[in-house]
Amino acid sequence: VGAFIVKGRHGATEVFEPIDPERYTETWVERYQG
């Protein structure tokens, strides 16, 4: 999803969203990744 510097912290946190196979196809995920 992105890297976020949250309030009160200096370093960035890498954030991801788990893929729900009922919602997204493999083709869509690959396209999004690109």
Full PDB file with SEQRES, HELIX, SHEET, SSBOND, CRYST1, ORIGX, SCALE, CONECT and MASTER records, all heavy atoms in Angstrom:
SEQRES   1 A   34  VAL GLY ALA PHE ILE VAL LYS GLY ARG HIS GLY ALA THR          
SEQRES   2 A   34  GLU VAL PHE GLU PRO ILE ASP PRO GLU ARG TYR THR GLU          
SEQRES   3 A   34  THR TRP VAL GLU ARG TYR GLN GLY                              
HELIX    1 AA1 GLU A   26  GLN A   33  1                                   8    
SHEET    1 AA1 2 GLY A   2  PHE A   4  0                                        
SHEET    2 AA1 2 THR A  13  VAL A  15 -1                                        
CRYST1    1.000    1.000    1.000  90.00  90.00  90.00 P 1           1          
ORIGX1      1.000000  0.000000  0.000000        0.00000                         
ORIGX2      0.000000  1.000000  0.000000        0.00000                         
ORIGX3      0.000000  0.000000  1.000000        0.00000                         
SCALE1      1.000000  0.000000  0.000000        0.00000                         
SCALE2      0.000000  1.000000  0.000000        0.00000                         
SCALE3      0.000000  0.000000  1.000000        0.00000                         
ATOM      1  N   VAL A   1       0.838  -1.198   0.000  1.00  0.00           N  
ATOM      2  CA  VAL A   1       0.000   0.000   0.000  1.00  0.00           C  
ATOM      3  C   VAL A   1       0.873   1.247   0.000  1.00  0.00           C  
ATOM      4  O   VAL A   1       0.586   2.223  -0.690  1.00  0.00           O  
ATOM      5  CB  VAL A   1      -0.934   0.026   1.226  1.00  0.00           C  
ATOM      6  CG1 VAL A   1      -1.741   1.317   1.268  1.00  0.00           C  
ATOM      7  CG2 VAL A   1      -1.856  -1.180   1.217  1.00  0.00           C  
ATOM      8  N   GLY A   2       1.958   1.219   0.764  1.00  0.00           N  
ATOM      9  CA  GLY A   2       2.844   2.366   0.816  1.00  0.00           C  
ATOM     10  C   GLY A   2       3.682   2.359   2.072  1.00  0.00           C  
ATOM     11  O   GLY A   2       3.603   1.446   2.892  1.00  0.00           O  
ATOM     12  N   ALA A   3       4.500   3.396   2.211  1.00  0.00           N  
ATOM     13  CA  ALA A   3       5.308   3.601   3.416  1.00  0.00           C  
ATOM     14  C   ALA A   3       4.730   4.800   4.148  1.00  0.00           C  
ATOM     15  O   ALA A   3       4.477   5.849   3.539  1.00  0.00           O  
ATOM     16  CB  ALA A   3       6.766   3.844   3.039  1.00  0.00           C  
ATOM     17  N   PHE A   4       4.513   4.651   5.456  1.00  0.00           N  
ATOM     18  CA  PHE A   4       3.851   5.684   6.241  1.00  0.00           C  
ATOM     19  C   PHE A   4       4.704   6.077   7.441  1.00  0.00           C  
ATOM     20  O   PHE A   4       5.176   5.204   8.174  1.00  0.00           O  
ATOM     21  CB  PHE A   4       2.486   5.202   6.728  1.00  0.00           C  
ATOM     22  CG  PHE A   4       1.493   4.990   5.622  1.00  0.00           C  
ATOM     23  CD1 PHE A   4       1.526   3.830   4.856  1.00  0.00           C  
ATOM     24  CD2 PHE A   4       0.523   5.947   5.349  1.00  0.00           C  
ATOM     25  CE1 PHE A   4       0.616   3.627   3.826  1.00  0.00           C  
ATOM     26  CE2 PHE A   4      -0.386   5.754   4.327  1.00  0.00           C  
ATOM     27  CZ  PHE A   4      -0.346   4.588   3.559  1.00  0.00           C  
ATOM     28  N   ILE A   5       4.894   7.376   7.613  1.00  0.00           N  
ATOM     29  CA  ILE A   5       5.502   7.891   8.838  1.00  0.00           C  
ATOM     30  C   ILE A   5       4.348   8.338   9.715  1.00  0.00           C  
ATOM     31  O   ILE A   5       3.703   9.359   9.431  1.00  0.00           O  
ATOM     32  CB  ILE A   5       6.458   9.067   8.553  1.00  0.00           C  
ATOM     33  CG1 ILE A   5       7.576   8.617   7.611  1.00  0.00           C  
ATOM     34  CG2 ILE A   5       7.044   9.598   9.866  1.00  0.00           C  
ATOM     35  CD1 ILE A   5       8.505   9.739   7.193  1.00  0.00           C  
ATOM     36  N   VAL A   6       4.053   7.564  10.753  1.00  0.00           N  
ATOM     37  CA  VAL A   6       2.906   7.878  11.602  1.00  0.00           C  
ATOM     38  C   VAL A   6       3.310   8.896  12.656  1.00  0.00           C  
ATOM     39  O   VAL A   6       4.492   9.063  12.974  1.00  0.00           O  
ATOM     40  CB  VAL A   6       2.325   6.611  12.262  1.00  0.00           C  
ATOM     41  CG1 VAL A   6       1.817   5.645  11.208  1.00  0.00           C  
ATOM     42  CG2 VAL A   6       3.355   5.923  13.145  1.00  0.00           C  
ATOM     43  N   LYS A   7       2.321   9.583  13.200  1.00  0.00           N  
ATOM     44  CA  LYS A   7       2.566  10.630  14.180  1.00  0.00           C  
ATOM     45  C   LYS A   7       3.317  10.077  15.389  1.00  0.00           C  
ATOM     46  O   LYS A   7       2.972   9.017  15.913  1.00  0.00           O  
ATOM     47  CB  LYS A   7       1.238  11.241  14.628  1.00  0.00           C  
ATOM     48  CG  LYS A   7       1.405  12.464  15.517  1.00  0.00           C  
ATOM     49  CD  LYS A   7       0.067  13.093  15.849  1.00  0.00           C  
ATOM     50  CE  LYS A   7       0.251  14.323  16.721  1.00  0.00           C  
ATOM     51  NZ  LYS A   7      -1.038  14.959  17.062  1.00  0.00           N  
ATOM     52  N   GLY A   8       4.369  10.789  15.794  1.00  0.00           N  
ATOM     53  CA  GLY A   8       5.138  10.367  16.954  1.00  0.00           C  
ATOM     54  C   GLY A   8       6.295   9.453  16.618  1.00  0.00           C  
ATOM     55  O   GLY A   8       7.023   9.029  17.515  1.00  0.00           O  
ATOM     56  N   ARG A   9       6.497   9.141  15.314  1.00  0.00           N  
ATOM     57  CA  ARG A   9       7.598   8.268  14.917  1.00  0.00           C  
ATOM     58  C   ARG A   9       8.393   8.922  13.800  1.00  0.00           C  
ATOM     59  O   ARG A   9       7.882   9.754  13.052  1.00  0.00           O  
ATOM     60  CB  ARG A   9       7.064   6.920  14.445  1.00  0.00           C  
ATOM     61  CG  ARG A   9       6.250   6.204  15.487  1.00  0.00           C  
ATOM     62  CD  ARG A   9       6.408   4.729  15.395  1.00  0.00           C  
ATOM     63  NE  ARG A   9       5.783   4.084  16.519  1.00  0.00           N  
ATOM     64  CZ  ARG A   9       5.902   2.797  16.766  1.00  0.00           C  
ATOM     65  NH1 ARG A   9       6.605   2.042  15.969  1.00  0.00           N  
ATOM     66  NH2 ARG A   9       5.312   2.267  17.819  1.00  0.00           N  
ATOM     67  N   HIS A  10       9.657   8.494  13.685  1.00  0.00           N  
ATOM     68  CA  HIS A  10      10.525   9.065  12.663  1.00  0.00           C  
ATOM     69  C   HIS A  10      10.692   8.127  11.472  1.00  0.00           C  
ATOM     70  O   HIS A  10      10.761   8.577  10.332  1.00  0.00           O  
ATOM     71  CB  HIS A  10      11.895   9.401  13.264  1.00  0.00           C  
ATOM     72  CG  HIS A  10      11.822  10.415  14.374  1.00  0.00           C  
ATOM     73  ND1 HIS A  10      11.473  11.725  14.154  1.00  0.00           N  
ATOM     74  CD2 HIS A  10      12.048  10.298  15.707  1.00  0.00           C  
ATOM     75  CE1 HIS A  10      11.490  12.387  15.300  1.00  0.00           C  
ATOM     76  NE2 HIS A  10      11.837  11.543  16.271  1.00  0.00           N  
ATOM     77  N   GLY A  11      10.780   6.821  11.727  1.00  0.00           N  
ATOM     78  CA  GLY A  11      10.950   5.870  10.639  1.00  0.00           C  
ATOM     79  C   GLY A  11       9.638   5.541   9.958  1.00  0.00           C  
ATOM     80  O   GLY A  11       8.549   5.703  10.526  1.00  0.00           O  
ATOM     81  N   ALA A  12       9.733   5.085   8.732  1.00  0.00           N  
ATOM     82  CA  ALA A  12       8.541   4.724   7.962  1.00  0.00           C  
ATOM     83  C   ALA A  12       8.146   3.279   8.222  1.00  0.00           C  
ATOM     84  O   ALA A  12       9.002   2.415   8.429  1.00  0.00           O  
ATOM     85  CB  ALA A  12       8.792   4.925   6.471  1.00  0.00           C  
ATOM     86  N   THR A  13       6.855   3.033   8.239  1.00  0.00           N  
ATOM     87  CA  THR A  13       6.299   1.684   8.385  1.00  0.00           C  
ATOM     88  C   THR A  13       5.772   1.226   7.038  1.00  0.00           C  
ATOM     89  O   THR A  13       4.973   1.923   6.405  1.00  0.00           O  
ATOM     90  CB  THR A  13       5.144   1.679   9.411  1.00  0.00           C  
ATOM     91  OG1 THR A  13       5.642   2.101  10.685  1.00  0.00           O  
ATOM     92  CG2 THR A  13       4.522   0.292   9.535  1.00  0.00           C  
ATOM     93  N   GLU A  14       6.234   0.081   6.583  1.00  0.00           N  
ATOM     94  CA  GLU A  14       5.744  -0.486   5.325  1.00  0.00           C  
ATOM     95  C   GLU A  14       4.380  -1.120   5.575  1.00  0.00           C  
ATOM     96  O   GLU A  14       4.238  -1.964   6.470  1.00  0.00           O  
ATOM     97  CB  GLU A  14       6.714  -1.535   4.782  1.00  0.00           C  
ATOM     98  CG  GLU A  14       8.085  -0.982   4.414  1.00  0.00           C  
ATOM     99  CD  GLU A  14       8.052  -0.099   3.186  1.00  0.00           C  
ATOM    100  OE1 GLU A  14       7.136  -0.285   2.355  1.00  0.00           O  
ATOM    101  OE2 GLU A  14       8.925   0.776   3.061  1.00  0.00           O  
ATOM    102  N   VAL A  15       3.408  -0.722   4.798  1.00  0.00           N  
ATOM    103  CA  VAL A  15       2.030  -1.180   4.997  1.00  0.00           C  
ATOM    104  C   VAL A  15       1.568  -1.980   3.793  1.00  0.00           C  
ATOM    105  O   VAL A  15       1.803  -1.593   2.643  1.00  0.00           O  
ATOM    106  CB  VAL A  15       1.085   0.019   5.237  1.00  0.00           C  
ATOM    107  CG1 VAL A  15      -0.356  -0.455   5.388  1.00  0.00           C  
ATOM    108  CG2 VAL A  15       1.532   0.790   6.478  1.00  0.00           C  
ATOM    109  N   PHE A  16       0.896  -3.097   4.072  1.00  0.00           N  
ATOM    110  CA  PHE A  16       0.380  -3.983   3.037  1.00  0.00           C  
ATOM    111  C   PHE A  16      -1.096  -4.280   3.305  1.00  0.00           C  
ATOM    112  O   PHE A  16      -1.570  -4.143   4.438  1.00  0.00           O  
ATOM    113  CB  PHE A  16       1.150  -5.305   3.017  1.00  0.00           C  
ATOM    114  CG  PHE A  16       2.570  -5.191   2.523  1.00  0.00           C  
ATOM    115  CD1 PHE A  16       3.558  -4.638   3.326  1.00  0.00           C  
ATOM    116  CD2 PHE A  16       2.913  -5.638   1.263  1.00  0.00           C  
ATOM    117  CE1 PHE A  16       4.868  -4.509   2.873  1.00  0.00           C  
ATOM    118  CE2 PHE A  16       4.219  -5.523   0.794  1.00  0.00           C  
ATOM    119  CZ  PHE A  16       5.193  -4.960   1.604  1.00  0.00           C  
ATOM    120  N   GLU A  17      -1.777  -4.688   2.270  1.00  0.00           N  
ATOM    121  CA  GLU A  17      -3.157  -5.165   2.408  1.00  0.00           C  
ATOM    122  C   GLU A  17      -3.203  -6.629   1.992  1.00  0.00           C  
ATOM    123  O   GLU A  17      -2.767  -6.964   0.884  1.00  0.00           O  
ATOM    124  CB  GLU A  17      -4.112  -4.367   1.525  1.00  0.00           C  
ATOM    125  CG  GLU A  17      -5.558  -4.835   1.681  1.00  0.00           C  
ATOM    126  CD  GLU A  17      -6.507  -4.241   0.647  1.00  0.00           C  
ATOM    127  OE1 GLU A  17      -6.060  -3.946  -0.476  1.00  0.00           O  
ATOM    128  OE2 GLU A  17      -7.700  -4.095   0.967  1.00  0.00           O  
ATOM    129  N   PRO A  18      -3.711  -7.526   2.850  1.00  0.00           N  
ATOM    130  CA  PRO A  18      -3.844  -8.920   2.430  1.00  0.00           C  
ATOM    131  C   PRO A  18      -4.887  -9.032   1.326  1.00  0.00           C  
ATOM    132  O   PRO A  18      -5.928  -8.373   1.363  1.00  0.00           O  
ATOM    133  CB  PRO A  18      -4.278  -9.643   3.704  1.00  0.00           C  
ATOM    134  CG  PRO A  18      -4.855  -8.587   4.574  1.00  0.00           C  
ATOM    135  CD  PRO A  18      -4.174  -7.308   4.234  1.00  0.00           C  
ATOM    136  N   ILE A  19      -4.596  -9.860   0.344  1.00  0.00           N  
ATOM    137  CA  ILE A  19      -5.473  -9.998  -0.820  1.00  0.00           C  
ATOM    138  C   ILE A  19      -6.575 -10.999  -0.534  1.00  0.00           C  
ATOM    139  O   ILE A  19      -6.316 -12.163  -0.221  1.00  0.00           O  
ATOM    140  CB  ILE A  19      -4.677 -10.465  -2.055  1.00  0.00           C  
ATOM    141  CG1 ILE A  19      -3.601  -9.433  -2.410  1.00  0.00           C  
ATOM    142  CG2 ILE A  19      -5.605 -10.709  -3.231  1.00  0.00           C  
ATOM    143  CD1 ILE A  19      -4.139  -8.090  -2.802  1.00  0.00           C  
ATOM    144  N   ASP A  20      -7.804 -10.534  -0.655  1.00  0.00           N  
ATOM    145  CA  ASP A  20      -8.962 -11.416  -0.532  1.00  0.00           C  
ATOM    146  C   ASP A  20      -9.236 -12.008  -1.912  1.00  0.00           C  
ATOM    147  O   ASP A  20      -9.626 -11.292  -2.836  1.00  0.00           O  
ATOM    148  CB  ASP A  20     -10.176 -10.626  -0.049  1.00  0.00           C  
ATOM    149  CG  ASP A  20     -11.394 -11.512   0.198  1.00  0.00           C  
ATOM    150  OD1 ASP A  20     -11.357 -12.701  -0.187  1.00  0.00           O  
ATOM    151  OD2 ASP A  20     -12.381 -11.010   0.763  1.00  0.00           O  
ATOM    152  N   PRO A  21      -9.027 -13.331  -2.090  1.00  0.00           N  
ATOM    153  CA  PRO A  21      -9.233 -13.932  -3.412  1.00  0.00           C  
ATOM    154  C   PRO A  21     -10.668 -13.844  -3.895  1.00  0.00           C  
ATOM    155  O   PRO A  21     -10.924 -13.978  -5.093  1.00  0.00           O  
ATOM    156  CB  PRO A  21      -8.793 -15.395  -3.211  1.00  0.00           C  
ATOM    157  CG  PRO A  21      -8.886 -15.626  -1.737  1.00  0.00           C  
ATOM    158  CD  PRO A  21      -8.595 -14.320  -1.088  1.00  0.00           C  
ATOM    159  N   GLU A  22     -11.606 -13.609  -2.977  1.00  0.00           N  
ATOM    160  CA  GLU A  22     -12.997 -13.420  -3.388  1.00  0.00           C  
ATOM    161  C   GLU A  22     -13.223 -12.039  -3.997  1.00  0.00           C  
ATOM    162  O   GLU A  22     -14.232 -11.797  -4.648  1.00  0.00           O  
ATOM    163  CB  GLU A  22     -13.935 -13.609  -2.186  1.00  0.00           C  
ATOM    164  CG  GLU A  22     -13.929 -15.018  -1.618  1.00  0.00           C  
ATOM    165  CD  GLU A  22     -14.895 -15.167  -0.463  1.00  0.00           C  
ATOM    166  OE1 GLU A  22     -15.686 -14.224  -0.218  1.00  0.00           O  
ATOM    167  OE2 GLU A  22     -14.877 -16.227   0.199  1.00  0.00           O  
ATOM    168  N   ARG A  23     -12.274 -11.136  -3.769  1.00  0.00           N  
ATOM    169  CA  ARG A  23     -12.423  -9.753  -4.242  1.00  0.00           C  
ATOM    170  C   ARG A  23     -11.546  -9.451  -5.454  1.00  0.00           C  
ATOM    171  O   ARG A  23     -11.965  -8.768  -6.389  1.00  0.00           O  
ATOM    172  CB  ARG A  23     -12.092  -8.795  -3.097  1.00  0.00           C  
ATOM    173  CG  ARG A  23     -11.986  -7.321  -3.472  1.00  0.00           C  
ATOM    174  CD  ARG A  23     -13.331  -6.745  -3.864  1.00  0.00           C  
ATOM    175  NE  ARG A  23     -13.236  -5.313  -4.140  1.00  0.00           N  
ATOM    176  CZ  ARG A  23     -12.896  -4.778  -5.309  1.00  0.00           C  
ATOM    177  NH1 ARG A  23     -12.566  -5.568  -6.319  1.00  0.00           N  
ATOM    178  NH2 ARG A  23     -12.852  -3.463  -5.477  1.00  0.00           N  
ATOM    179  N   TYR A  24     -10.298  -9.944  -5.452  1.00  0.00           N  
ATOM    180  CA  TYR A  24      -9.350  -9.590  -6.504  1.00  0.00           C  
ATOM    181  C   TYR A  24      -8.808 -10.825  -7.217  1.00  0.00           C  
ATOM    182  O   TYR A  24      -8.464 -11.820  -6.579  1.00  0.00           O  
ATOM    183  CB  TYR A  24      -8.160  -8.815  -5.916  1.00  0.00           C  
ATOM    184  CG  TYR A  24      -8.542  -7.494  -5.291  1.00  0.00           C  
ATOM    185  CD1 TYR A  24      -8.554  -7.344  -3.903  1.00  0.00           C  
ATOM    186  CD2 TYR A  24      -8.887  -6.404  -6.070  1.00  0.00           C  
ATOM    187  CE1 TYR A  24      -8.894  -6.139  -3.318  1.00  0.00           C  
ATOM    188  CE2 TYR A  24      -9.239  -5.192  -5.498  1.00  0.00           C  
ATOM    189  CZ  TYR A  24      -9.245  -5.063  -4.122  1.00  0.00           C  
ATOM    190  OH  TYR A  24      -9.592  -3.872  -3.542  1.00  0.00           O  
ATOM    191  N   THR A  25      -8.682 -10.740  -8.534  1.00  0.00           N  
ATOM    192  CA  THR A  25      -8.105 -11.823  -9.323  1.00  0.00           C  
ATOM    193  C   THR A  25      -6.584 -11.671  -9.353  1.00  0.00           C  
ATOM    194  O   THR A  25      -6.040 -10.594  -9.082  1.00  0.00           O  
ATOM    195  CB  THR A  25      -8.628 -11.789 -10.768  1.00  0.00           C  
ATOM    196  OG1 THR A  25      -8.174 -10.574 -11.393  1.00  0.00           O  
ATOM    197  CG2 THR A  25     -10.150 -11.846 -10.800  1.00  0.00           C  
ATOM    198  N   GLU A  26      -5.901 -12.743  -9.711  1.00  0.00           N  
ATOM    199  CA  GLU A  26      -4.452 -12.701  -9.834  1.00  0.00           C  
ATOM    200  C   GLU A  26      -4.027 -11.673 -10.875  1.00  0.00           C  
ATOM    201  O   GLU A  26      -3.037 -10.952 -10.692  1.00  0.00           O  
ATOM    202  CB  GLU A  26      -3.922 -14.090 -10.219  1.00  0.00           C  
ATOM    203  CG  GLU A  26      -3.897 -15.090  -9.079  1.00  0.00           C  
ATOM    204  CD  GLU A  26      -2.841 -14.747  -8.038  1.00  0.00           C  
ATOM    205  OE1 GLU A  26      -1.767 -14.239  -8.418  1.00  0.00           O  
ATOM    206  OE2 GLU A  26      -3.108 -14.951  -6.842  1.00  0.00           O  
ATOM    207  N   THR A  27      -4.782 -11.605 -11.969  1.00  0.00           N  
ATOM    208  CA  THR A  27      -4.456 -10.652 -13.037  1.00  0.00           C  
ATOM    209  C   THR A  27      -4.516  -9.223 -12.514  1.00  0.00           C  
ATOM    210  O   THR A  27      -3.636  -8.401 -12.807  1.00  0.00           O  
ATOM    211  CB  THR A  27      -5.431 -10.817 -14.213  1.00  0.00           C  
ATOM    212  OG1 THR A  27      -5.338 -12.157 -14.711  1.00  0.00           O  
ATOM    213  CG2 THR A  27      -5.109  -9.826 -15.330  1.00  0.00           C  
ATOM    214  N   TRP A  28      -5.558  -8.920 -11.719  1.00  0.00           N  
ATOM    215  CA  TRP A  28      -5.690  -7.571 -11.178  1.00  0.00           C  
ATOM    216  C   TRP A  28      -4.549  -7.245 -10.221  1.00  0.00           C  
ATOM    217  O   TRP A  28      -3.991  -6.156 -10.252  1.00  0.00           O  
ATOM    218  CB  TRP A  28      -7.031  -7.416 -10.456  1.00  0.00           C  
ATOM    219  CG  TRP A  28      -7.156  -6.067  -9.810  1.00  0.00           C  
ATOM    220  CD1 TRP A  28      -6.922  -5.730  -8.507  1.00  0.00           C  
ATOM    221  CD2 TRP A  28      -7.501  -4.846 -10.462  1.00  0.00           C  
ATOM    222  NE1 TRP A  28      -7.117  -4.389  -8.304  1.00  0.00           N  
ATOM    223  CE2 TRP A  28      -7.476  -3.814  -9.478  1.00  0.00           C  
ATOM    224  CE3 TRP A  28      -7.853  -4.521 -11.781  1.00  0.00           C  
ATOM    225  CZ2 TRP A  28      -7.774  -2.494  -9.783  1.00  0.00           C  
ATOM    226  CZ3 TRP A  28      -8.156  -3.202 -12.071  1.00  0.00           C  
ATOM    227  CH2 TRP A  28      -8.111  -2.203 -11.079  1.00  0.00           C  
ATOM    228  N   VAL A  29      -4.186  -8.200  -9.381  1.00  0.00           N  
ATOM    229  CA  VAL A  29      -3.112  -7.983  -8.412  1.00  0.00           C  
ATOM    230  C   VAL A  29      -1.793  -7.710  -9.135  1.00  0.00           C  
ATOM    231  O   VAL A  29      -1.035  -6.803  -8.764  1.00  0.00           O  
ATOM    232  CB  VAL A  29      -2.975  -9.180  -7.457  1.00  0.00           C  
ATOM    233  CG1 VAL A  29      -1.769  -9.002  -6.535  1.00  0.00           C  
ATOM    234  CG2 VAL A  29      -4.242  -9.348  -6.631  1.00  0.00           C  
ATOM    235  N   GLU A  30      -1.511  -8.483 -10.172  1.00  0.00           N  
ATOM    236  CA  GLU A  30      -0.281  -8.276 -10.937  1.00  0.00           C  
ATOM    237  C   GLU A  30      -0.279  -6.901 -11.593  1.00  0.00           C  
ATOM    238  O   GLU A  30       0.751  -6.209 -11.629  1.00  0.00           O  
ATOM    239  CB  GLU A  30      -0.138  -9.370 -12.009  1.00  0.00           C  
ATOM    240  CG  GLU A  30       0.083 -10.769 -11.452  1.00  0.00           C  
ATOM    241  CD  GLU A  30       1.374 -10.888 -10.655  1.00  0.00           C  
ATOM    242  OE1 GLU A  30       2.313 -10.108 -10.908  1.00  0.00           O  
ATOM    243  OE2 GLU A  30       1.440 -11.757  -9.762  1.00  0.00           O  
ATOM    244  N   ARG A  31      -1.424  -6.493 -12.097  1.00  0.00           N  
ATOM    245  CA  ARG A  31      -1.529  -5.178 -12.722  1.00  0.00           C  
ATOM    246  C   ARG A  31      -1.295  -4.073 -11.696  1.00  0.00           C  
ATOM    247  O   ARG A  31      -0.576  -3.107 -11.952  1.00  0.00           O  
ATOM    248  CB  ARG A  31      -2.897  -5.034 -13.384  1.00  0.00           C  
ATOM    249  CG  ARG A  31      -3.041  -3.792 -14.234  1.00  0.00           C  
ATOM    250  CD  ARG A  31      -4.395  -3.764 -14.912  1.00  0.00           C  
ATOM    251  NE  ARG A  31      -4.612  -2.498 -15.590  1.00  0.00           N  
ATOM    252  CZ  ARG A  31      -5.766  -2.121 -16.129  1.00  0.00           C  
ATOM    253  NH1 ARG A  31      -6.813  -2.941 -16.078  1.00  0.00           N  
ATOM    254  NH2 ARG A  31      -5.881  -0.946 -16.719  1.00  0.00           N  
ATOM    255  N   TYR A  32      -1.908  -4.222 -10.531  1.00  0.00           N  
ATOM    256  CA  TYR A  32      -1.710  -3.244  -9.461  1.00  0.00           C  
ATOM    257  C   TYR A  32      -0.240  -3.178  -9.041  1.00  0.00           C  
ATOM    258  O   TYR A  32       0.318  -2.089  -8.842  1.00  0.00           O  
ATOM    259  CB  TYR A  32      -2.588  -3.589  -8.253  1.00  0.00           C  
ATOM    260  CG  TYR A  32      -2.266  -2.747  -7.033  1.00  0.00           C  
ATOM    261  CD1 TYR A  32      -2.855  -1.493  -6.863  1.00  0.00           C  
ATOM    262  CD2 TYR A  32      -1.356  -3.189  -6.072  1.00  0.00           C  
ATOM    263  CE1 TYR A  32      -2.542  -0.703  -5.762  1.00  0.00           C  
ATOM    264  CE2 TYR A  32      -1.037  -2.398  -4.976  1.00  0.00           C  
ATOM    265  CZ  TYR A  32      -1.630  -1.166  -4.827  1.00  0.00           C  
ATOM    266  OH  TYR A  32      -1.307  -0.381  -3.741  1.00  0.00           O  
ATOM    267  N   GLN A  33       0.390  -4.340  -8.910  1.00  0.00           N  
ATOM    268  CA  GLN A  33       1.801  -4.385  -8.494  1.00  0.00           C  
ATOM    269  C   GLN A  33       2.669  -3.606  -9.470  1.00  0.00           C  
ATOM    270  O   GLN A  33       3.574  -2.861  -9.064  1.00  0.00           O  
ATOM    271  CB  GLN A  33       2.282  -5.841  -8.431  1.00  0.00           C  
ATOM    272  CG  GLN A  33       1.616  -6.679  -7.359  1.00  0.00           C  
ATOM    273  CD  GLN A  33       2.390  -6.707  -6.053  1.00  0.00           C  
ATOM    274  OE1 GLN A  33       3.006  -5.709  -5.686  1.00  0.00           O  
ATOM    275  NE2 GLN A  33       2.358  -7.807  -5.348  1.00  0.00           N  
ATOM    276  N   GLY A  34       2.394  -3.773 -10.771  1.00  0.00           N  
ATOM    277  CA  GLY A  34       3.182  -3.064 -11.775  1.00  0.00           C  
ATOM    278  C   GLY A  34       3.033  -1.560 -11.647  1.00  0.00           C  
ATOM    279  O   GLY A  34       4.021  -0.811 -11.741  1.00  0.00           O  
TER     280      GLY A  34                                                      
MASTER        0    0    0    1    2    0    0    6  279    1    0    3          
END                                                                             
